[in-house]
Amino acid sequence: MSSSVVTADISSMDTSENPCPDTTKERGLQEIYIVGLPLEGIDSKITDLSADSKLIRADIAGIQDKVTDLGHNLHTIENKVAAFPDNELELQFLCNKLTDLEDRSSRDKCLLFWFARKKQRVHL
């Protein structure tokens, strides 16, 4: 019997779907990158070999708390936008809040949803 070796060229694999940079070593960081929050300052601490790992873990815990707050605030604001604010200024205020809390695409989706519901007068 002869044995054969199977090789695969992975240099051309599409890794664009992975939002986690190669420098992330801890599971907590990967979860935060998936949420999409910026990790300013954390990357430098990971690559700095003299950084205290307890300090890094404390910073990660603080960011995870912010992720929870972000999700709660965004959910509340989306509910307000979906409830047909009659005042256009109120709508603009809520959409600005969405921009502050998340990326622009979420705000745009929320606006489209609001205008579609207002036009059709569909109450879910």
PDB file of N, CA and C in Angstrom:
ATOM      1  N   MET A   1       0.839  -1.195   0.000  1.00  0.00           N
ATOM      2  CA  MET A   1       0.000   0.000   0.000  1.00  0.00           C
ATOM      3  C   MET A   1       0.872   1.242   0.000  1.00  0.00           C
ATOM      4  N   SER A   2       0.456   2.194  -0.747  1.00  0.00           N
ATOM      5  CA  SER A   2       1.210   3.445  -0.746  1.00  0.00           C
ATOM      6  C   SER A   2       0.384   4.527  -0.069  1.00  0.00           C
ATOM      7  N   SER A   3       1.067   5.408   0.615  1.00  0.00           N
ATOM      8  CA  SER A   3       0.364   6.508   1.282  1.00  0.00           C
ATOM      9  C   SER A   3       0.543   7.770   0.461  1.00  0.00           C
ATOM     10  N   SER A   4      -0.458   8.617   0.509  1.00  0.00           N
ATOM     11  CA  SER A   4      -0.373   9.870  -0.232  1.00  0.00           C
ATOM     12  C   SER A   4      -0.576  11.041   0.720  1.00  0.00           C
ATOM     13  N   VAL A   5       0.033  12.146   0.384  1.00  0.00           N
ATOM     14  CA  VAL A   5      -0.068  13.359   1.197  1.00  0.00           C
ATOM     15  C   VAL A   5      -0.898  14.370   0.429  1.00  0.00           C
ATOM     16  N   VAL A   6      -1.903  14.906   1.095  1.00  0.00           N
ATOM     17  CA  VAL A   6      -2.758  15.917   0.474  1.00  0.00           C
ATOM     18  C   VAL A   6      -2.328  17.277   0.987  1.00  0.00           C
ATOM     19  N   THR A   7      -2.066  18.193   0.086  1.00  0.00           N
ATOM     20  CA  THR A   7      -1.681  19.547   0.492  1.00  0.00           C
ATOM     21  C   THR A   7      -2.694  20.531  -0.062  1.00  0.00           C
ATOM     22  N   ALA A   8      -2.807  21.647   0.609  1.00  0.00           N
ATOM     23  CA  ALA A   8      -3.740  22.691   0.157  1.00  0.00           C
ATOM     24  C   ALA A   8      -3.049  24.039   0.249  1.00  0.00           C
ATOM     25  N   ASP A   9      -3.270  24.849  -0.754  1.00  0.00           N
ATOM     26  CA  ASP A   9      -2.708  26.194  -0.747  1.00  0.00           C
ATOM     27  C   ASP A   9      -3.706  27.122  -0.067  1.00  0.00           C
ATOM     28  N   ILE A  10      -3.357  27.585   1.121  1.00  0.00           N
ATOM     29  CA  ILE A  10      -4.291  28.457   1.853  1.00  0.00           C
ATOM     30  C   ILE A  10      -3.945  29.930   1.678  1.00  0.00           C
ATOM     31  N   SER A  11      -2.941  30.239   0.874  1.00  0.00           N
ATOM     32  CA  SER A  11      -2.536  31.637   0.706  1.00  0.00           C
ATOM     33  C   SER A  11      -3.601  32.459  -0.007  1.00  0.00           C
ATOM     34  N   SER A  12      -4.460  31.795  -0.783  1.00  0.00           N
ATOM     35  CA  SER A  12      -5.486  32.540  -1.516  1.00  0.00           C
ATOM     36  C   SER A  12      -6.851  32.496  -0.834  1.00  0.00           C
ATOM     37  N   MET A  13      -6.908  31.977   0.386  1.00  0.00           N
ATOM     38  CA  MET A  13      -8.195  31.897   1.087  1.00  0.00           C
ATOM     39  C   MET A  13      -8.704  33.286   1.437  1.00  0.00           C
ATOM     40  N   ASP A  14     -10.004  33.462   1.353  1.00  0.00           N
ATOM     41  CA  ASP A  14     -10.629  34.734   1.703  1.00  0.00           C
ATOM     42  C   ASP A  14     -10.843  34.772   3.208  1.00  0.00           C
ATOM     43  N   THR A  15     -10.132  35.693   3.860  1.00  0.00           N
ATOM     44  CA  THR A  15     -10.281  35.827   5.318  1.00  0.00           C
ATOM     45  C   THR A  15     -11.001  37.120   5.675  1.00  0.00           C
ATOM     46  N   SER A  16     -11.652  37.741   4.697  1.00  0.00           N
ATOM     47  CA  SER A  16     -12.295  39.030   4.956  1.00  0.00           C
ATOM     48  C   SER A  16     -13.468  38.916   5.919  1.00  0.00           C
ATOM     49  N   GLU A  17     -14.038  37.717   6.059  1.00  0.00           N
ATOM     50  CA  GLU A  17     -15.172  37.566   6.965  1.00  0.00           C
ATOM     51  C   GLU A  17     -14.751  37.530   8.426  1.00  0.00           C
ATOM     52  N   ASN A  18     -13.482  37.357   8.688  1.00  0.00           N
ATOM     53  CA  ASN A  18     -12.998  37.300  10.065  1.00  0.00           C
ATOM     54  C   ASN A  18     -12.674  38.708  10.540  1.00  0.00           C
ATOM     55  N   PRO A  19     -13.477  39.276  11.448  1.00  0.00           N
ATOM     56  CA  PRO A  19     -13.241  40.644  11.902  1.00  0.00           C
ATOM     57  C   PRO A  19     -12.120  40.746  12.918  1.00  0.00           C
ATOM     58  N   CYS A  20     -11.565  39.633  13.348  1.00  0.00           N
ATOM     59  CA  CYS A  20     -10.555  39.641  14.398  1.00  0.00           C
ATOM     60  C   CYS A  20      -9.166  39.737  13.792  1.00  0.00           C
ATOM     61  N   PRO A  21      -8.382  40.716  14.209  1.00  0.00           N
ATOM     62  CA  PRO A  21      -7.014  40.791  13.706  1.00  0.00           C
ATOM     63  C   PRO A  21      -6.176  39.641  14.257  1.00  0.00           C
ATOM     64  N   ASP A  22      -5.064  39.375  13.586  1.00  0.00           N
ATOM     65  CA  ASP A  22      -4.206  38.264  13.990  1.00  0.00           C
ATOM     66  C   ASP A  22      -3.622  38.447  15.383  1.00  0.00           C
ATOM     67  N   THR A  23      -3.549  39.689  15.865  1.00  0.00           N
ATOM     68  CA  THR A  23      -2.910  39.930  17.156  1.00  0.00           C
ATOM     69  C   THR A  23      -3.788  39.529  18.330  1.00  0.00           C
ATOM     70  N   THR A  24      -5.067  39.255  18.106  1.00  0.00           N
ATOM     71  CA  THR A  24      -5.934  38.902  19.235  1.00  0.00           C
ATOM     72  C   THR A  24      -5.667  37.475  19.653  1.00  0.00           C
ATOM     73  N   LYS A  25      -5.361  37.313  20.921  1.00  0.00           N
ATOM     74  CA  LYS A  25      -5.041  35.993  21.448  1.00  0.00           C
ATOM     75  C   LYS A  25      -6.103  35.507  22.426  1.00  0.00           C
ATOM     76  N   GLU A  26      -6.869  36.434  22.999  1.00  0.00           N
ATOM     77  CA  GLU A  26      -7.819  36.050  24.032  1.00  0.00           C
ATOM     78  C   GLU A  26      -9.232  36.041  23.469  1.00  0.00           C
ATOM     79  N   ARG A  27     -10.029  35.107  23.908  1.00  0.00           N
ATOM     80  CA  ARG A  27     -11.402  34.948  23.424  1.00  0.00           C
ATOM     81  C   ARG A  27     -12.221  36.213  23.664  1.00  0.00           C
ATOM     82  N   GLY A  28     -12.022  36.862  24.786  1.00  0.00           N
ATOM     83  CA  GLY A  28     -12.764  38.083  25.093  1.00  0.00           C
ATOM     84  C   GLY A  28     -12.560  39.152  24.043  1.00  0.00           C
ATOM     85  N   LEU A  29     -11.345  39.308  23.573  1.00  0.00           N
ATOM     86  CA  LEU A  29     -11.073  40.312  22.551  1.00  0.00           C
ATOM     87  C   LEU A  29     -11.775  39.971  21.249  1.00  0.00           C
ATOM     88  N   GLN A  30     -11.802  38.704  20.876  1.00  0.00           N
ATOM     89  CA  GLN A  30     -12.461  38.309  19.637  1.00  0.00           C
ATOM     90  C   GLN A  30     -13.943  38.641  19.694  1.00  0.00           C
ATOM     91  N   GLU A  31     -14.580  38.394  20.822  1.00  0.00           N
ATOM     92  CA  GLU A  31     -16.003  38.698  20.953  1.00  0.00           C
ATOM     93  C   GLU A  31     -16.248  40.192  20.813  1.00  0.00           C
ATOM     94  N   ILE A  32     -15.356  40.997  21.365  1.00  0.00           N
ATOM     95  CA  ILE A  32     -15.527  42.444  21.289  1.00  0.00           C
ATOM     96  C   ILE A  32     -15.354  42.919  19.845  1.00  0.00           C
ATOM     97  N   TYR A  33     -14.381  42.367  19.118  1.00  0.00           N
ATOM     98  CA  TYR A  33     -14.202  42.761  17.724  1.00  0.00           C
ATOM     99  C   TYR A  33     -15.422  42.410  16.893  1.00  0.00           C
ATOM    100  N   ILE A  34     -16.060  41.284  17.182  1.00  0.00           N
ATOM    101  CA  ILE A  34     -17.254  40.893  16.442  1.00  0.00           C
ATOM    102  C   ILE A  34     -18.365  41.911  16.662  1.00  0.00           C
ATOM    103  N   VAL A  35     -18.482  42.431  17.876  1.00  0.00           N
ATOM    104  CA  VAL A  35     -19.478  43.464  18.156  1.00  0.00           C
ATOM    105  C   VAL A  35     -19.158  44.715  17.356  1.00  0.00           C
ATOM    106  N   GLY A  36     -17.881  44.976  17.107  1.00  0.00           N
ATOM    107  CA  GLY A  36     -17.511  46.098  16.265  1.00  0.00           C
ATOM    108  C   GLY A  36     -17.041  47.319  17.011  1.00  0.00           C
ATOM    109  N   LEU A  37     -16.795  47.217  18.291  1.00  0.00           N
ATOM    110  CA  LEU A  37     -16.302  48.372  19.025  1.00  0.00           C
ATOM    111  C   LEU A  37     -14.814  48.562  18.771  1.00  0.00           C
ATOM    112  N   PRO A  38     -14.372  49.810  18.702  1.00  0.00           N
ATOM    113  CA  PRO A  38     -12.933  50.037  18.552  1.00  0.00           C
ATOM    114  C   PRO A  38     -12.207  49.676  19.839  1.00  0.00           C
ATOM    115  N   LEU A  39     -11.045  49.103  19.692  1.00  0.00           N
ATOM    116  CA  LEU A  39     -10.256  48.733  20.868  1.00  0.00           C
ATOM    117  C   LEU A  39      -9.013  49.611  20.932  1.00  0.00           C
ATOM    118  N   GLU A  40      -9.223  50.909  20.978  1.00  0.00           N
ATOM    119  CA  GLU A  40      -8.096  51.825  20.990  1.00  0.00           C
ATOM    120  C   GLU A  40      -7.261  51.601  22.244  1.00  0.00           C
ATOM    121  N   GLY A  41      -5.984  51.434  22.041  1.00  0.00           N
ATOM    122  CA  GLY A  41      -5.079  51.271  23.163  1.00  0.00           C
ATOM    123  C   GLY A  41      -4.870  49.829  23.586  1.00  0.00           C
ATOM    124  N   ILE A  42      -5.821  48.964  23.284  1.00  0.00           N
ATOM    125  CA  ILE A  42      -5.688  47.569  23.710  1.00  0.00           C
ATOM    126  C   ILE A  42      -4.648  46.852  22.851  1.00  0.00           C
ATOM    127  N   ASP A  43      -4.663  47.124  21.538  1.00  0.00           N
ATOM    128  CA  ASP A  43      -3.711  46.457  20.647  1.00  0.00           C
ATOM    129  C   ASP A  43      -2.276  46.711  21.073  1.00  0.00           C
ATOM    130  N   SER A  44      -1.974  47.958  21.438  1.00  0.00           N
ATOM    131  CA  SER A  44      -0.604  48.275  21.827  1.00  0.00           C
ATOM    132  C   SER A  44      -0.223  47.550  23.109  1.00  0.00           C
ATOM    133  N   LYS A  45      -1.189  47.360  23.999  1.00  0.00           N
ATOM    134  CA  LYS A  45      -0.896  46.653  25.242  1.00  0.00           C
ATOM    135  C   LYS A  45      -0.644  45.173  24.989  1.00  0.00           C
ATOM    136  N   ILE A  46      -1.318  44.627  23.984  1.00  0.00           N
ATOM    137  CA  ILE A  46      -1.115  43.212  23.680  1.00  0.00           C
ATOM    138  C   ILE A  46       0.272  43.002  23.075  1.00  0.00           C
ATOM    139  N   THR A  47       0.679  43.903  22.189  1.00  0.00           N
ATOM    140  CA  THR A  47       1.971  43.735  21.535  1.00  0.00           C
ATOM    141  C   THR A  47       3.128  44.157  22.431  1.00  0.00           C
ATOM    142  N   ASP A  48       2.843  44.935  23.462  1.00  0.00           N
ATOM    143  CA  ASP A  48       3.884  45.350  24.401  1.00  0.00           C
ATOM    144  C   ASP A  48       4.150  44.206  25.375  1.00  0.00           C
ATOM    145  N   LEU A  49       5.310  43.581  25.242  1.00  0.00           N
ATOM    146  CA  LEU A  49       5.605  42.402  26.050  1.00  0.00           C
ATOM    147  C   LEU A  49       5.724  42.727  27.530  1.00  0.00           C
ATOM    148  N   SER A  50       5.974  43.988  27.863  1.00  0.00           N
ATOM    149  CA  SER A  50       6.122  44.349  29.272  1.00  0.00           C
ATOM    150  C   SER A  50       4.786  44.724  29.915  1.00  0.00           C
ATOM    151  N   ALA A  51       3.689  44.695  29.130  1.00  0.00           N
ATOM    152  CA  ALA A  51       2.385  45.089  29.676  1.00  0.00           C
ATOM    153  C   ALA A  51       1.914  44.084  30.718  1.00  0.00           C
ATOM    154  N   ASP A  52       1.258  44.611  31.729  1.00  0.00           N
ATOM    155  CA  ASP A  52       0.738  43.763  32.800  1.00  0.00           C
ATOM    156  C   ASP A  52      -0.556  43.106  32.328  1.00  0.00           C
ATOM    157  N   SER A  53      -0.625  41.779  32.335  1.00  0.00           N
ATOM    158  CA  SER A  53      -1.812  41.083  31.824  1.00  0.00           C
ATOM    159  C   SER A  53      -3.052  41.402  32.654  1.00  0.00           C
ATOM    160  N   LYS A  54      -2.884  41.699  33.934  1.00  0.00           N
ATOM    161  CA  LYS A  54      -4.045  42.058  34.758  1.00  0.00           C
ATOM    162  C   LYS A  54      -4.643  43.378  34.284  1.00  0.00           C
ATOM    163  N   LEU A  55      -3.798  44.309  33.897  1.00  0.00           N
ATOM    164  CA  LEU A  55      -4.270  45.598  33.395  1.00  0.00           C
ATOM    165  C   LEU A  55      -5.052  45.402  32.094  1.00  0.00           C
ATOM    166  N   ILE A  56      -4.539  44.547  31.222  1.00  0.00           N
ATOM    167  CA  ILE A  56      -5.237  44.268  29.960  1.00  0.00           C
ATOM    168  C   ILE A  56      -6.600  43.641  30.244  1.00  0.00           C
ATOM    169  N   ARG A  57      -6.643  42.685  31.155  1.00  0.00           N
ATOM    170  CA  ARG A  57      -7.918  42.038  31.472  1.00  0.00           C
ATOM    171  C   ARG A  57      -8.912  43.035  32.061  1.00  0.00           C
ATOM    172  N   ALA A  58      -8.428  43.963  32.870  1.00  0.00           N
ATOM    173  CA  ALA A  58      -9.314  44.980  33.452  1.00  0.00           C
ATOM    174  C   ALA A  58      -9.890  45.869  32.354  1.00  0.00           C
ATOM    175  N   ASP A  59      -9.071  46.254  31.389  1.00  0.00           N
ATOM    176  CA  ASP A  59      -9.547  47.078  30.277  1.00  0.00           C
ATOM    177  C   ASP A  59     -10.572  46.324  29.441  1.00  0.00           C
ATOM    178  N   ILE A  60     -10.325  45.047  29.204  1.00  0.00           N
ATOM    179  CA  ILE A  60     -11.270  44.235  28.431  1.00  0.00           C
ATOM    180  C   ILE A  60     -12.608  44.149  29.161  1.00  0.00           C
ATOM    181  N   ALA A  61     -12.564  43.965  30.469  1.00  0.00           N
ATOM    182  CA  ALA A  61     -13.811  43.896  31.244  1.00  0.00           C
ATOM    183  C   ALA A  61     -14.579  45.203  31.129  1.00  0.00           C
ATOM    184  N   GLY A  62     -13.874  46.329  31.151  1.00  0.00           N
ATOM    185  CA  GLY A  62     -14.530  47.630  31.011  1.00  0.00           C
ATOM    186  C   GLY A  62     -15.185  47.792  29.659  1.00  0.00           C
ATOM    187  N   ILE A  63     -14.537  47.312  28.613  1.00  0.00           N
ATOM    188  CA  ILE A  63     -15.112  47.403  27.266  1.00  0.00           C
ATOM    189  C   ILE A  63     -16.332  46.496  27.154  1.00  0.00           C
ATOM    190  N   GLN A  64     -16.283  45.331  27.770  1.00  0.00           N
ATOM    191  CA  GLN A  64     -17.438  44.432  27.718  1.00  0.00           C
ATOM    192  C   GLN A  64     -18.648  45.068  28.404  1.00  0.00           C
ATOM    193  N   ASP A  65     -18.416  45.825  29.482  1.00  0.00           N
ATOM    194  CA  ASP A  65     -19.517  46.557  30.115  1.00  0.00           C
ATOM    195  C   ASP A  65     -20.101  47.568  29.144  1.00  0.00           C
ATOM    196  N   LYS A  66     -19.252  48.241  28.382  1.00  0.00           N
ATOM    197  CA  LYS A  66     -19.729  49.217  27.405  1.00  0.00           C
ATOM    198  C   LYS A  66     -20.536  48.543  26.303  1.00  0.00           C
ATOM    199  N   VAL A  67     -20.136  47.335  25.923  1.00  0.00           N
ATOM    200  CA  VAL A  67     -20.893  46.587  24.910  1.00  0.00           C
ATOM    201  C   VAL A  67     -22.319  46.355  25.400  1.00  0.00           C
ATOM    202  N   THR A  68     -22.466  45.964  26.652  1.00  0.00           N
ATOM    203  CA  THR A  68     -23.798  45.727  27.223  1.00  0.00           C
ATOM    204  C   THR A  68     -24.612  47.013  27.220  1.00  0.00           C
ATOM    205  N   ASP A  69     -24.000  48.128  27.638  1.00  0.00           N
ATOM    206  CA  ASP A  69     -24.701  49.417  27.654  1.00  0.00           C
ATOM    207  C   ASP A  69     -25.108  49.819  26.244  1.00  0.00           C
ATOM    208  N   LEU A  70     -24.215  49.626  25.292  1.00  0.00           N
ATOM    209  CA  LEU A  70     -24.488  49.989  23.904  1.00  0.00           C
ATOM    210  C   LEU A  70     -25.702  49.240  23.376  1.00  0.00           C
ATOM    211  N   GLY A  71     -25.749  47.942  23.635  1.00  0.00           N
ATOM    212  CA  GLY A  71     -26.874  47.145  23.164  1.00  0.00           C
ATOM    213  C   GLY A  71     -28.188  47.606  23.753  1.00  0.00           C
ATOM    214  N   HIS A  72     -28.184  47.950  25.028  1.00  0.00           N
ATOM    215  CA  HIS A  72     -29.412  48.394  25.687  1.00  0.00           C
ATOM    216  C   HIS A  72     -29.874  49.726  25.109  1.00  0.00           C
ATOM    217  N   ASN A  73     -28.961  50.677  24.977  1.00  0.00           N
ATOM    218  CA  ASN A  73     -29.320  52.001  24.459  1.00  0.00           C
ATOM    219  C   ASN A  73     -29.806  51.931  23.023  1.00  0.00           C
ATOM    220  N   LEU A  74     -29.140  51.139  22.212  1.00  0.00           N
ATOM    221  CA  LEU A  74     -29.522  51.035  20.811  1.00  0.00           C
ATOM    222  C   LEU A  74     -30.912  50.423  20.674  1.00  0.00           C
ATOM    223  N   HIS A  75     -31.205  49.407  21.463  1.00  0.00           N
ATOM    224  CA  HIS A  75     -32.520  48.768  21.428  1.00  0.00           C
ATOM    225  C   HIS A  75     -33.607  49.773  21.808  1.00  0.00           C
ATOM    226  N   THR A  76     -33.368  50.568  22.843  1.00  0.00           N
ATOM    227  CA  THR A  76     -34.344  51.572  23.284  1.00  0.00           C
ATOM    228  C   THR A  76     -34.598  52.602  22.193  1.00  0.00           C
ATOM    229  N   ILE A  77     -33.539  53.081  21.563  1.00  0.00           N
ATOM    230  CA  ILE A  77     -33.685  54.111  20.531  1.00  0.00           C
ATOM    231  C   ILE A  77     -34.393  53.550  19.302  1.00  0.00           C
ATOM    232  N   GLU A  78     -34.074  52.323  18.910  1.00  0.00           N
ATOM    233  CA  GLU A  78     -34.758  51.719  17.758  1.00  0.00           C
ATOM    234  C   GLU A  78     -36.254  51.596  18.023  1.00  0.00           C
ATOM    235  N   ASN A  79     -36.625  51.269  19.246  1.00  0.00           N
ATOM    236  CA  ASN A  79     -38.045  51.189  19.594  1.00  0.00           C
ATOM    237  C   ASN A  79     -38.710  52.551  19.468  1.00  0.00           C
ATOM    238  N   LYS A  80     -38.018  53.604  19.880  1.00  0.00           N
ATOM    239  CA  LYS A  80     -38.585  54.955  19.786  1.00  0.00           C
ATOM    240  C   LYS A  80     -38.764  55.372  18.333  1.00  0.00           C
ATOM    241  N   VAL A  81     -37.793  55.060  17.482  1.00  0.00           N
ATOM    242  CA  VAL A  81     -37.900  55.419  16.069  1.00  0.00           C
ATOM    243  C   VAL A  81     -39.041  54.645  15.415  1.00  0.00           C
ATOM    244  N   ALA A  82     -39.186  53.377  15.785  1.00  0.00           N
ATOM    245  CA  ALA A  82     -40.242  52.551  15.199  1.00  0.00           C
ATOM    246  C   ALA A  82     -41.630  52.984  15.648  1.00  0.00           C
ATOM    247  N   ALA A  83     -41.711  53.793  16.686  1.00  0.00           N
ATOM    248  CA  ALA A  83     -43.012  54.209  17.227  1.00  0.00           C
ATOM    249  C   ALA A  83     -43.540  55.483  16.574  1.00  0.00           C
ATOM    250  N   PHE A  84     -43.064  55.808  15.372  1.00  0.00           N
ATOM    251  CA  PHE A  84     -43.553  56.975  14.622  1.00  0.00           C
ATOM    252  C   PHE A  84     -43.444  58.291  15.385  1.00  0.00           C
ATOM    253  N   PRO A  85     -42.272  58.810  15.643  1.00  0.00           N
ATOM    254  CA  PRO A  85     -42.247  60.147  16.237  1.00  0.00           C
ATOM    255  C   PRO A  85     -42.866  61.138  15.254  1.00  0.00           C
ATOM    256  N   ASP A  86     -43.850  61.901  15.713  1.00  0.00           N
ATOM    257  CA  ASP A  86     -44.536  62.850  14.830  1.00  0.00           C
ATOM    258  C   ASP A  86     -43.640  64.025  14.474  1.00  0.00           C
ATOM    259  N   ASN A  87     -42.779  64.375  15.396  1.00  0.00           N
ATOM    260  CA  ASN A  87     -41.926  65.532  15.209  1.00  0.00           C
ATOM    261  C   ASN A  87     -40.663  65.124  14.441  1.00  0.00           C
ATOM    262  N   GLU A  88     -40.431  65.800  13.307  1.00  0.00           N
ATOM    263  CA  GLU A  88     -39.247  65.468  12.497  1.00  0.00           C
ATOM    264  C   GLU A  88     -37.953  65.760  13.256  1.00  0.00           C
ATOM    265  N   LEU A  89     -37.964  66.779  14.118  1.00  0.00           N
ATOM    266  CA  LEU A  89     -36.766  67.083  14.907  1.00  0.00           C
ATOM    267  C   LEU A  89     -36.459  65.953  15.878  1.00  0.00           C
ATOM    268  N   GLU A  90     -37.511  65.373  16.431  1.00  0.00           N
ATOM    269  CA  GLU A  90     -37.307  64.244  17.340  1.00  0.00           C
ATOM    270  C   GLU A  90     -36.705  63.062  16.582  1.00  0.00           C
ATOM    271  N   LEU A  91     -37.178  62.829  15.373  1.00  0.00           N
ATOM    272  CA  LEU A  91     -36.625  61.757  14.548  1.00  0.00           C
ATOM    273  C   LEU A  91     -35.145  62.006  14.277  1.00  0.00           C
ATOM    274  N   GLN A  92     -34.816  63.253  13.929  1.00  0.00           N
ATOM    275  CA  GLN A  92     -33.413  63.580  13.643  1.00  0.00           C
ATOM    276  C   GLN A  92     -32.545  63.369  14.882  1.00  0.00           C
ATOM    277  N   PHE A  93     -33.072  63.759  16.044  1.00  0.00           N
ATOM    278  CA  PHE A  93     -32.340  63.563  17.298  1.00  0.00           C
ATOM    279  C   PHE A  93     -32.074  62.078  17.542  1.00  0.00           C
ATOM    280  N   LEU A  94     -33.096  61.250  17.354  1.00  0.00           N
ATOM    281  CA  LEU A  94     -32.942  59.811  17.572  1.00  0.00           C
ATOM    282  C   LEU A  94     -31.950  59.206  16.583  1.00  0.00           C
ATOM    283  N   CYS A  95     -31.995  59.660  15.343  1.00  0.00           N
ATOM    284  CA  CYS A  95     -31.071  59.127  14.341  1.00  0.00           C
ATOM    285  C   CYS A  95     -29.637  59.559  14.624  1.00  0.00           C
ATOM    286  N   ASN A  96     -29.473  60.762  15.154  1.00  0.00           N
ATOM    287  CA  ASN A  96     -28.137  61.198  15.560  1.00  0.00           C
ATOM    288  C   ASN A  96     -27.628  60.332  16.696  1.00  0.00           C
ATOM    289  N   LYS A  97     -28.524  59.959  17.602  1.00  0.00           N
ATOM    290  CA  LYS A  97     -28.140  59.072  18.698  1.00  0.00           C
ATOM    291  C   LYS A  97     -27.680  57.721  18.152  1.00  0.00           C
ATOM    292  N   LEU A  98     -28.384  57.234  17.132  1.00  0.00           N
ATOM    293  CA  LEU A  98     -27.980  55.972  16.511  1.00  0.00           C
ATOM    294  C   LEU A  98     -26.579  56.091  15.918  1.00  0.00           C
ATOM    295  N   THR A  99     -26.293  57.241  15.299  1.00  0.00           N
ATOM    296  CA  THR A  99     -24.967  57.457  14.727  1.00  0.00           C
ATOM    297  C   THR A  99     -23.917  57.447  15.826  1.00  0.00           C
ATOM    298  N   ASP A 100     -24.241  58.042  16.969  1.00  0.00           N
ATOM    299  CA  ASP A 100     -23.297  58.065  18.084  1.00  0.00           C
ATOM    300  C   ASP A 100     -23.042  56.668  18.623  1.00  0.00           C
ATOM    301  N   LEU A 101     -24.080  55.838  18.645  1.00  0.00           N
ATOM    302  CA  LEU A 101     -23.965  54.531  19.282  1.00  0.00           C
ATOM    303  C   LEU A 101     -23.438  53.446  18.362  1.00  0.00           C
ATOM    304  N   GLU A 102     -23.687  53.562  17.088  1.00  0.00           N
ATOM    305  CA  GLU A 102     -23.290  52.490  16.177  1.00  0.00           C
ATOM    306  C   GLU A 102     -22.907  53.096  14.839  1.00  0.00           C
ATOM    307  N   ASP A 103     -22.569  52.265  13.901  1.00  0.00           N
ATOM    308  CA  ASP A 103     -22.119  52.774  12.610  1.00  0.00           C
ATOM    309  C   ASP A 103     -23.274  53.365  11.812  1.00  0.00           C
ATOM    310  N   ARG A 104     -22.928  54.095  10.786  1.00  0.00           N
ATOM    311  CA  ARG A 104     -23.913  54.833   9.995  1.00  0.00           C
ATOM    312  C   ARG A 104     -24.920  53.905   9.314  1.00  0.00           C
ATOM    313  N   SER A 105     -24.512  52.704   8.933  1.00  0.00           N
ATOM    314  CA  SER A 105     -25.424  51.810   8.216  1.00  0.00           C
ATOM    315  C   SER A 105     -26.621  51.429   9.075  1.00  0.00           C
ATOM    316  N   SER A 106     -26.419  51.274  10.364  1.00  0.00           N
ATOM    317  CA  SER A 106     -27.542  50.949  11.245  1.00  0.00           C
ATOM    318  C   SER A 106     -28.517  52.111  11.319  1.00  0.00           C
ATOM    319  N   ARG A 107     -27.980  53.328  11.366  1.00  0.00           N
ATOM    320  CA  ARG A 107     -28.858  54.492  11.396  1.00  0.00           C
ATOM    321  C   ARG A 107     -29.663  54.573  10.104  1.00  0.00           C
ATOM    322  N   ASP A 108     -29.014  54.325   8.977  1.00  0.00           N
ATOM    323  CA  ASP A 108     -29.705  54.389   7.691  1.00  0.00           C
ATOM    324  C   ASP A 108     -30.795  53.328   7.594  1.00  0.00           C
ATOM    325  N   LYS A 109     -30.510  52.119   8.085  1.00  0.00           N
ATOM    326  CA  LYS A 109     -31.529  51.064   8.090  1.00  0.00           C
ATOM    327  C   LYS A 109     -32.711  51.483   8.948  1.00  0.00           C
ATOM    328  N   CYS A 110     -32.425  52.103  10.067  1.00  0.00           N
ATOM    329  CA  CYS A 110     -33.485  52.542  10.967  1.00  0.00           C
ATOM    330  C   CYS A 110     -34.341  53.620  10.300  1.00  0.00           C
ATOM    331  N   LEU A 111     -33.702  54.541   9.603  1.00  0.00           N
ATOM    332  CA  LEU A 111     -34.435  55.586   8.883  1.00  0.00           C
ATOM    333  C   LEU A 111     -35.337  54.984   7.809  1.00  0.00           C
ATOM    334  N   LEU A 112     -34.794  54.048   7.042  1.00  0.00           N
ATOM    335  CA  LEU A 112     -35.592  53.413   5.995  1.00  0.00           C
ATOM    336  C   LEU A 112     -36.784  52.677   6.590  1.00  0.00           C
ATOM    337  N   PHE A 113     -36.550  52.004   7.693  1.00  0.00           N
ATOM    338  CA  PHE A 113     -37.620  51.287   8.374  1.00  0.00           C
ATOM    339  C   PHE A 113     -38.705  52.268   8.822  1.00  0.00           C
ATOM    340  N   TRP A 114     -38.283  53.400   9.396  1.00  0.00           N
ATOM    341  CA  TRP A 114     -39.244  54.395   9.891  1.00  0.00           C
ATOM    342  C   TRP A 114     -40.080  54.956   8.745  1.00  0.00           C
ATOM    343  N   PHE A 115     -39.420  55.348   7.647  1.00  0.00           N
ATOM    344  CA  PHE A 115     -40.159  55.929   6.529  1.00  0.00           C
ATOM    345  C   PHE A 115     -41.083  54.904   5.872  1.00  0.00           C
ATOM    346  N   ALA A 116     -40.648  53.653   5.780  1.00  0.00           N
ATOM    347  CA  ALA A 116     -41.497  52.611   5.196  1.00  0.00           C
ATOM    348  C   ALA A 116     -42.738  52.395   6.049  1.00  0.00           C
ATOM    349  N   ARG A 117     -42.570  52.368   7.342  1.00  0.00           N
ATOM    350  CA  ARG A 117     -43.728  52.173   8.221  1.00  0.00           C
ATOM    351  C   ARG A 117     -44.639  53.390   8.191  1.00  0.00           C
ATOM    352  N   LYS A 118     -44.066  54.581   8.138  1.00  0.00           N
ATOM    353  CA  LYS A 118     -44.892  55.788   8.114  1.00  0.00           C
ATOM    354  C   LYS A 118     -45.713  55.841   6.821  1.00  0.00           C
ATOM    355  N   LYS A 119     -45.095  55.447   5.716  1.00  0.00           N
ATOM    356  CA  LYS A 119     -45.783  55.485   4.426  1.00  0.00           C
ATOM    357  C   LYS A 119     -46.916  54.464   4.389  1.00  0.00           C
ATOM    358  N   GLN A 120     -46.668  53.279   4.871  1.00  0.00           N
ATOM    359  CA  GLN A 120     -47.661  52.215   4.798  1.00  0.00           C
ATOM    360  C   GLN A 120     -48.650  52.251   5.960  1.00  0.00           C
ATOM    361  N   ARG A 121     -48.276  52.950   7.029  1.00  0.00           N
ATOM    362  CA  ARG A 121     -49.111  53.002   8.245  1.00  0.00           C
ATOM    363  C   ARG A 121     -49.403  51.597   8.763  1.00  0.00           C
ATOM    364  N   VAL A 122     -48.381  50.780   8.760  1.00  0.00           N
ATOM    365  CA  VAL A 122     -48.515  49.417   9.262  1.00  0.00           C
ATOM    366  C   VAL A 122     -48.088  49.404  10.718  1.00  0.00           C
ATOM    367  N   HIS A 123     -48.947  48.930  11.581  1.00  0.00           N
ATOM    368  CA  HIS A 123     -48.620  48.840  13.002  1.00  0.00           C
ATOM    369  C   HIS A 123     -48.359  47.385  13.349  1.00  0.00           C
ATOM    370  N   LEU A 124     -47.123  47.112  13.720  1.00  0.00           N
ATOM    371  CA  LEU A 124     -46.754  45.731  14.035  1.00  0.00           C
ATOM    372  C   LEU A 124     -47.076  45.412  15.475  1.00  0.00           C
TER     373      LEU A 124
END
